[in-house]
Amino acid sequence: MPHAGYIYSGPVAARAYDEIAAARGVVRRVVMLGPVHRVPVRGLALPGAQIFETPLGDSDRSKAIQEVLRCRRS
């Protein structure tokens, strides 16, 4: 999903959300992956946010899945 800002990627992001809108309420888990923009990392950089706000609603991150990922990093 583009995230450069509405003025840069708004039409593309709107189209992408339109394509997946029918899956709302059906899809139970989404895995979001993206690049780290500011510092180099080895492996995964896990977010500190508890909730991600999306046009399809708030997405609460899974603490259990994040803990599994955290344990696998070492």
PDB file of N, CA and C in Angstrom:
ATOM      1  N   MET A   1       0.838  -1.167   0.000  1.00  0.00           N
ATOM      2  CA  MET A   1       0.000   0.000   0.000  1.00  0.00           C
ATOM      3  C   MET A   1       0.888   1.236   0.000  1.00  0.00           C
ATOM      4  N   PRO A   2       0.724   2.123  -0.937  1.00  0.00           N
ATOM      5  CA  PRO A   2       1.522   3.345  -0.957  1.00  0.00           C
ATOM      6  C   PRO A   2       1.268   4.171   0.298  1.00  0.00           C
ATOM      7  N   HIS A   3       2.302   4.848   0.789  1.00  0.00           N
ATOM      8  CA  HIS A   3       2.136   5.648   1.993  1.00  0.00           C
ATOM      9  C   HIS A   3       2.918   6.959   1.917  1.00  0.00           C
ATOM     10  N   ALA A   4       3.115   7.450   0.727  1.00  0.00           N
ATOM     11  CA  ALA A   4       3.922   8.660   0.549  1.00  0.00           C
ATOM     12  C   ALA A   4       3.163   9.928   0.920  1.00  0.00           C
ATOM     13  N   GLY A   5       1.906   9.836   1.183  1.00  0.00           N
ATOM     14  CA  GLY A   5       1.084  11.003   1.480  1.00  0.00           C
ATOM     15  C   GLY A   5       0.014  11.143   0.410  1.00  0.00           C
ATOM     16  N   TYR A   6      -1.119  11.669   0.806  1.00  0.00           N
ATOM     17  CA  TYR A   6      -2.255  11.743  -0.118  1.00  0.00           C
ATOM     18  C   TYR A   6      -1.934  12.505  -1.398  1.00  0.00           C
ATOM     19  N   ILE A   7      -1.153  13.588  -1.295  1.00  0.00           N
ATOM     20  CA  ILE A   7      -0.895  14.371  -2.505  1.00  0.00           C
ATOM     21  C   ILE A   7       0.004  13.627  -3.484  1.00  0.00           C
ATOM     22  N   TYR A   8       0.799  12.675  -2.982  1.00  0.00           N
ATOM     23  CA  TYR A   8       1.714  11.941  -3.858  1.00  0.00           C
ATOM     24  C   TYR A   8       1.139  10.610  -4.334  1.00  0.00           C
ATOM     25  N   SER A   9       0.506   9.878  -3.432  1.00  0.00           N
ATOM     26  CA  SER A   9       0.055   8.535  -3.806  1.00  0.00           C
ATOM     27  C   SER A   9      -1.415   8.291  -3.481  1.00  0.00           C
ATOM     28  N   GLY A  10      -2.156   9.331  -3.204  1.00  0.00           N
ATOM     29  CA  GLY A  10      -3.568   9.196  -2.838  1.00  0.00           C
ATOM     30  C   GLY A  10      -4.406   8.402  -3.825  1.00  0.00           C
ATOM     31  N   PRO A  11      -4.368   8.721  -5.122  1.00  0.00           N
ATOM     32  CA  PRO A  11      -5.184   7.968  -6.075  1.00  0.00           C
ATOM     33  C   PRO A  11      -4.817   6.476  -6.137  1.00  0.00           C
ATOM     34  N   VAL A  12      -3.534   6.170  -6.048  1.00  0.00           N
ATOM     35  CA  VAL A  12      -3.104   4.761  -6.088  1.00  0.00           C
ATOM     36  C   VAL A  12      -3.549   4.050  -4.813  1.00  0.00           C
ATOM     37  N   ALA A  13      -3.376   4.695  -3.664  1.00  0.00           N
ATOM     38  CA  ALA A  13      -3.803   4.096  -2.397  1.00  0.00           C
ATOM     39  C   ALA A  13      -5.316   3.896  -2.383  1.00  0.00           C
ATOM     40  N   ALA A  14      -6.066   4.873  -2.883  1.00  0.00           N
ATOM     41  CA  ALA A  14      -7.528   4.750  -2.928  1.00  0.00           C
ATOM     42  C   ALA A  14      -7.945   3.556  -3.772  1.00  0.00           C
ATOM     43  N   ARG A  15      -7.300   3.367  -4.874  1.00  0.00           N
ATOM     44  CA  ARG A  15      -7.610   2.223  -5.743  1.00  0.00           C
ATOM     45  C   ARG A  15      -7.292   0.904  -5.044  1.00  0.00           C
ATOM     46  N   ALA A  16      -6.165   0.856  -4.351  1.00  0.00           N
ATOM     47  CA  ALA A  16      -5.784  -0.367  -3.631  1.00  0.00           C
ATOM     48  C   ALA A  16      -6.797  -0.683  -2.533  1.00  0.00           C
ATOM     49  N   TYR A  17      -7.204   0.323  -1.752  1.00  0.00           N
ATOM     50  CA  TYR A  17      -8.202   0.094  -0.710  1.00  0.00           C
ATOM     51  C   TYR A  17      -9.542  -0.308  -1.318  1.00  0.00           C
ATOM     52  N   ASP A  18      -9.888   0.258  -2.451  1.00  0.00           N
ATOM     53  CA  ASP A  18     -11.136  -0.119  -3.131  1.00  0.00           C
ATOM     54  C   ASP A  18     -11.102  -1.590  -3.540  1.00  0.00           C
ATOM     55  N   GLU A  19      -9.956  -2.046  -3.995  1.00  0.00           N
ATOM     56  CA  GLU A  19      -9.816  -3.444  -4.422  1.00  0.00           C
ATOM     57  C   GLU A  19      -9.993  -4.430  -3.261  1.00  0.00           C
ATOM     58  N   ILE A  20      -9.561  -4.049  -2.064  1.00  0.00           N
ATOM     59  CA  ILE A  20      -9.640  -4.980  -0.939  1.00  0.00           C
ATOM     60  C   ILE A  20     -10.851  -4.730  -0.032  1.00  0.00           C
ATOM     61  N   ALA A  21     -11.670  -3.734  -0.347  1.00  0.00           N
ATOM     62  CA  ALA A  21     -12.809  -3.391   0.510  1.00  0.00           C
ATOM     63  C   ALA A  21     -13.786  -4.553   0.685  1.00  0.00           C
ATOM     64  N   ALA A  22     -13.965  -5.364  -0.342  1.00  0.00           N
ATOM     65  CA  ALA A  22     -14.902  -6.494  -0.252  1.00  0.00           C
ATOM     66  C   ALA A  22     -14.449  -7.523   0.778  1.00  0.00           C
ATOM     67  N   ALA A  23     -13.178  -7.547   1.117  1.00  0.00           N
ATOM     68  CA  ALA A  23     -12.650  -8.518   2.085  1.00  0.00           C
ATOM     69  C   ALA A  23     -12.843  -8.057   3.532  1.00  0.00           C
ATOM     70  N   ARG A  24     -13.327  -6.840   3.722  1.00  0.00           N
ATOM     71  CA  ARG A  24     -13.542  -6.329   5.082  1.00  0.00           C
ATOM     72  C   ARG A  24     -14.544  -7.225   5.810  1.00  0.00           C
ATOM     73  N   GLY A  25     -14.183  -7.662   6.981  1.00  0.00           N
ATOM     74  CA  GLY A  25     -15.046  -8.549   7.746  1.00  0.00           C
ATOM     75  C   GLY A  25     -14.808 -10.019   7.449  1.00  0.00           C
ATOM     76  N   VAL A  26     -14.085 -10.307   6.366  1.00  0.00           N
ATOM     77  CA  VAL A  26     -13.792 -11.691   5.983  1.00  0.00           C
ATOM     78  C   VAL A  26     -12.356 -12.042   6.371  1.00  0.00           C
ATOM     79  N   VAL A  27     -11.445 -11.149   6.048  1.00  0.00           N
ATOM     80  CA  VAL A  27     -10.029 -11.362   6.353  1.00  0.00           C
ATOM     81  C   VAL A  27      -9.828 -11.226   7.853  1.00  0.00           C
ATOM     82  N   ARG A  28      -9.161 -12.190   8.454  1.00  0.00           N
ATOM     83  CA  ARG A  28      -8.978 -12.188   9.899  1.00  0.00           C
ATOM     84  C   ARG A  28      -7.591 -11.719  10.334  1.00  0.00           C
ATOM     85  N   ARG A  29      -6.590 -11.860   9.469  1.00  0.00           N
ATOM     86  CA  ARG A  29      -5.239 -11.448   9.851  1.00  0.00           C
ATOM     87  C   ARG A  29      -4.540 -10.855   8.630  1.00  0.00           C
ATOM     88  N   VAL A  30      -3.860  -9.755   8.852  1.00  0.00           N
ATOM     89  CA  VAL A  30      -3.101  -9.091   7.802  1.00  0.00           C
ATOM     90  C   VAL A  30      -1.675  -8.932   8.299  1.00  0.00           C
ATOM     91  N   VAL A  31      -0.734  -9.242   7.457  1.00  0.00           N
ATOM     92  CA  VAL A  31       0.672  -9.051   7.793  1.00  0.00           C
ATOM     93  C   VAL A  31       1.160  -7.838   7.009  1.00  0.00           C
ATOM     94  N   MET A  32       1.604  -6.824   7.730  1.00  0.00           N
ATOM     95  CA  MET A  32       2.095  -5.607   7.092  1.00  0.00           C
ATOM     96  C   MET A  32       3.614  -5.586   7.146  1.00  0.00           C
ATOM     97  N   LEU A  33       4.213  -5.475   5.987  1.00  0.00           N
ATOM     98  CA  LEU A  33       5.668  -5.396   5.875  1.00  0.00           C
ATOM     99  C   LEU A  33       6.029  -4.106   5.163  1.00  0.00           C
ATOM    100  N   GLY A  34       7.104  -3.513   5.546  1.00  0.00           N
ATOM    101  CA  GLY A  34       7.536  -2.295   4.884  1.00  0.00           C
ATOM    102  C   GLY A  34       8.986  -2.015   5.195  1.00  0.00           C
ATOM    103  N   PRO A  35       9.568  -1.101   4.452  1.00  0.00           N
ATOM    104  CA  PRO A  35      10.982  -0.773   4.663  1.00  0.00           C
ATOM    105  C   PRO A  35      11.175   0.127   5.876  1.00  0.00           C
ATOM    106  N   VAL A  36      12.364   0.088   6.427  1.00  0.00           N
ATOM    107  CA  VAL A  36      12.765   1.033   7.459  1.00  0.00           C
ATOM    108  C   VAL A  36      13.397   2.205   6.716  1.00  0.00           C
ATOM    109  N   HIS A  37      12.877   3.397   6.934  1.00  0.00           N
ATOM    110  CA  HIS A  37      13.310   4.542   6.135  1.00  0.00           C
ATOM    111  C   HIS A  37      14.503   5.308   6.696  1.00  0.00           C
ATOM    112  N   ARG A  38      14.699   5.291   7.994  1.00  0.00           N
ATOM    113  CA  ARG A  38      15.664   6.221   8.585  1.00  0.00           C
ATOM    114  C   ARG A  38      16.983   5.615   9.027  1.00  0.00           C
ATOM    115  N   VAL A  39      16.975   4.374   9.452  1.00  0.00           N
ATOM    116  CA  VAL A  39      18.201   3.753   9.943  1.00  0.00           C
ATOM    117  C   VAL A  39      18.314   2.340   9.393  1.00  0.00           C
ATOM    118  N   PRO A  40      19.524   1.870   9.140  1.00  0.00           N
ATOM    119  CA  PRO A  40      19.659   0.496   8.678  1.00  0.00           C
ATOM    120  C   PRO A  40      19.410  -0.479   9.829  1.00  0.00           C
ATOM    121  N   VAL A  41      18.753  -1.578   9.539  1.00  0.00           N
ATOM    122  CA  VAL A  41      18.513  -2.615  10.537  1.00  0.00           C
ATOM    123  C   VAL A  41      18.843  -3.974   9.929  1.00  0.00           C
ATOM    124  N   ARG A  42      19.134  -4.898  10.792  1.00  0.00           N
ATOM    125  CA  ARG A  42      19.340  -6.276  10.359  1.00  0.00           C
ATOM    126  C   ARG A  42      18.153  -7.073  10.871  1.00  0.00           C
ATOM    127  N   GLY A  43      17.435  -7.713   9.992  1.00  0.00           N
ATOM    128  CA  GLY A  43      16.244  -8.453  10.410  1.00  0.00           C
ATOM    129  C   GLY A  43      15.013  -7.577  10.358  1.00  0.00           C
ATOM    130  N   LEU A  44      14.204  -7.641  11.416  1.00  0.00           N
ATOM    131  CA  LEU A  44      12.942  -6.913  11.467  1.00  0.00           C
ATOM    132  C   LEU A  44      13.003  -5.750  12.435  1.00  0.00           C
ATOM    133  N   ALA A  45      12.338  -4.675  12.095  1.00  0.00           N
ATOM    134  CA  ALA A  45      12.109  -3.578  13.020  1.00  0.00           C
ATOM    135  C   ALA A  45      10.632  -3.652  13.384  1.00  0.00           C
ATOM    136  N   LEU A  46      10.336  -3.880  14.648  1.00  0.00           N
ATOM    137  CA  LEU A  46       8.956  -4.028  15.091  1.00  0.00           C
ATOM    138  C   LEU A  46       8.416  -2.686  15.565  1.00  0.00           C
ATOM    139  N   PRO A  47       7.151  -2.396  15.268  1.00  0.00           N
ATOM    140  CA  PRO A  47       6.589  -1.091  15.617  1.00  0.00           C
ATOM    141  C   PRO A  47       6.307  -0.957  17.103  1.00  0.00           C
ATOM    142  N   GLY A  48       6.319   0.269  17.576  1.00  0.00           N
ATOM    143  CA  GLY A  48       5.940   0.542  18.952  1.00  0.00           C
ATOM    144  C   GLY A  48       4.461   0.867  19.075  1.00  0.00           C
ATOM    145  N   ALA A  49       3.800   1.148  17.965  1.00  0.00           N
ATOM    146  CA  ALA A  49       2.381   1.506  17.974  1.00  0.00           C
ATOM    147  C   ALA A  49       1.524   0.310  18.359  1.00  0.00           C
ATOM    148  N   GLN A  50       0.470   0.567  19.103  1.00  0.00           N
ATOM    149  CA  GLN A  50      -0.466  -0.491  19.474  1.00  0.00           C
ATOM    150  C   GLN A  50      -1.543  -0.681  18.412  1.00  0.00           C
ATOM    151  N   ILE A  51      -1.882   0.402  17.719  1.00  0.00           N
ATOM    152  CA  ILE A  51      -2.951   0.368  16.718  1.00  0.00           C
ATOM    153  C   ILE A  51      -2.501   1.143  15.488  1.00  0.00           C
ATOM    154  N   PHE A  52      -2.815   0.601  14.315  1.00  0.00           N
ATOM    155  CA  PHE A  52      -2.591   1.304  13.054  1.00  0.00           C
ATOM    156  C   PHE A  52      -3.946   1.775  12.541  1.00  0.00           C
ATOM    157  N   GLU A  53      -4.064   3.041  12.204  1.00  0.00           N
ATOM    158  CA  GLU A  53      -5.297   3.574  11.644  1.00  0.00           C
ATOM    159  C   GLU A  53      -5.249   3.434  10.135  1.00  0.00           C
ATOM    160  N   THR A  54      -6.262   2.803   9.548  1.00  0.00           N
ATOM    161  CA  THR A  54      -6.338   2.631   8.101  1.00  0.00           C
ATOM    162  C   THR A  54      -7.704   3.108   7.612  1.00  0.00           C
ATOM    163  N   PRO A  55      -7.844   3.356   6.318  1.00  0.00           N
ATOM    164  CA  PRO A  55      -9.159   3.728   5.786  1.00  0.00           C
ATOM    165  C   PRO A  55     -10.219   2.637   5.981  1.00  0.00           C
ATOM    166  N   LEU A  56      -9.792   1.406   6.240  1.00  0.00           N
ATOM    167  CA  LEU A  56     -10.752   0.320   6.461  1.00  0.00           C
ATOM    168  C   LEU A  56     -11.029   0.103   7.946  1.00  0.00           C
ATOM    169  N   GLY A  57     -10.478   0.941   8.791  1.00  0.00           N
ATOM    170  CA  GLY A  57     -10.686   0.814  10.233  1.00  0.00           C
ATOM    171  C   GLY A  57      -9.364   0.622  10.960  1.00  0.00           C
ATOM    172  N   ASP A  58      -9.448   0.675  12.276  1.00  0.00           N
ATOM    173  CA  ASP A  58      -8.245   0.500  13.085  1.00  0.00           C
ATOM    174  C   ASP A  58      -7.801  -0.947  13.086  1.00  0.00           C
ATOM    175  N   SER A  59      -6.500  -1.152  13.064  1.00  0.00           N
ATOM    176  CA  SER A  59      -5.915  -2.485  13.050  1.00  0.00           C
ATOM    177  C   SER A  59      -5.081  -2.652  14.310  1.00  0.00           C
ATOM    178  N   ASP A  60      -5.558  -3.477  15.221  1.00  0.00           N
ATOM    179  CA  ASP A  60      -4.847  -3.736  16.467  1.00  0.00           C
ATOM    180  C   ASP A  60      -3.769  -4.767  16.189  1.00  0.00           C
ATOM    181  N   ARG A  61      -2.541  -4.467  16.565  1.00  0.00           N
ATOM    182  CA  ARG A  61      -1.472  -5.426  16.291  1.00  0.00           C
ATOM    183  C   ARG A  61      -1.542  -6.583  17.280  1.00  0.00           C
ATOM    184  N   SER A  62      -1.140  -7.730  16.824  1.00  0.00           N
ATOM    185  CA  SER A  62      -1.159  -8.927  17.648  1.00  0.00           C
ATOM    186  C   SER A  62       0.074  -8.975  18.534  1.00  0.00           C
ATOM    187  N   LYS A  63      -0.127  -8.880  19.824  1.00  0.00           N
ATOM    188  CA  LYS A  63       0.995  -8.945  20.755  1.00  0.00           C
ATOM    189  C   LYS A  63       1.637 -10.327  20.727  1.00  0.00           C
ATOM    190  N   ALA A  64       0.829 -11.360  20.546  1.00  0.00           N
ATOM    191  CA  ALA A  64       1.363 -12.731  20.517  1.00  0.00           C
ATOM    192  C   ALA A  64       2.266 -12.933  19.309  1.00  0.00           C
ATOM    193  N   ILE A  65       1.829 -12.494  18.145  1.00  0.00           N
ATOM    194  CA  ILE A  65       2.638 -12.643  16.934  1.00  0.00           C
ATOM    195  C   ILE A  65       3.912 -11.816  17.049  1.00  0.00           C
ATOM    196  N   GLN A  66       3.799 -10.613  17.580  1.00  0.00           N
ATOM    197  CA  GLN A  66       4.983  -9.758  17.720  1.00  0.00           C
ATOM    198  C   GLN A  66       5.991 -10.415  18.664  1.00  0.00           C
ATOM    199  N   GLU A  67       5.521 -11.065  19.715  1.00  0.00           N
ATOM    200  CA  GLU A  67       6.439 -11.725  20.642  1.00  0.00           C
ATOM    201  C   GLU A  67       7.148 -12.891  19.967  1.00  0.00           C
ATOM    202  N   VAL A  68       6.437 -13.624  19.122  1.00  0.00           N
ATOM    203  CA  VAL A  68       7.075 -14.714  18.368  1.00  0.00           C
ATOM    204  C   VAL A  68       8.166 -14.144  17.468  1.00  0.00           C
ATOM    205  N   LEU A  69       7.881 -13.049  16.787  1.00  0.00           N
ATOM    206  CA  LEU A  69       8.872 -12.423  15.915  1.00  0.00           C
ATOM    207  C   LEU A  69      10.066 -11.907  16.716  1.00  0.00           C
ATOM    208  N   ARG A  70       9.792 -11.328  17.872  1.00  0.00           N
ATOM    209  CA  ARG A  70      10.862 -10.802  18.719  1.00  0.00           C
ATOM    210  C   ARG A  70      11.805 -11.935  19.158  1.00  0.00           C
ATOM    211  N   CYS A  71      11.240 -13.084  19.520  1.00  0.00           N
ATOM    212  CA  CYS A  71      12.052 -14.218  19.963  1.00  0.00           C
ATOM    213  C   CYS A  71      12.885 -14.782  18.816  1.00  0.00           C
ATOM    214  N   ARG A  72      12.376 -14.739  17.603  1.00  0.00           N
ATOM    215  CA  ARG A  72      13.090 -15.281  16.457  1.00  0.00           C
ATOM    216  C   ARG A  72      14.198 -14.360  15.965  1.00  0.00           C
ATOM    217  N   ARG A  73      14.207 -13.121  16.399  1.00  0.00           N
ATOM    218  CA  ARG A  73      15.233 -12.160  15.963  1.00  0.00           C
ATOM    219  C   ARG A  73      16.595 -12.505  16.531  1.00  0.00           C
ATOM    220  N   SER A  74      16.629 -13.107  17.701  1.00  0.00           N
ATOM    221  CA  SER A  74      17.926 -13.321  18.335  1.00  0.00           C
ATOM    222  C   SER A  74      18.661 -14.512  17.788  1.00  0.00           C
TER     223      SER A  74
END
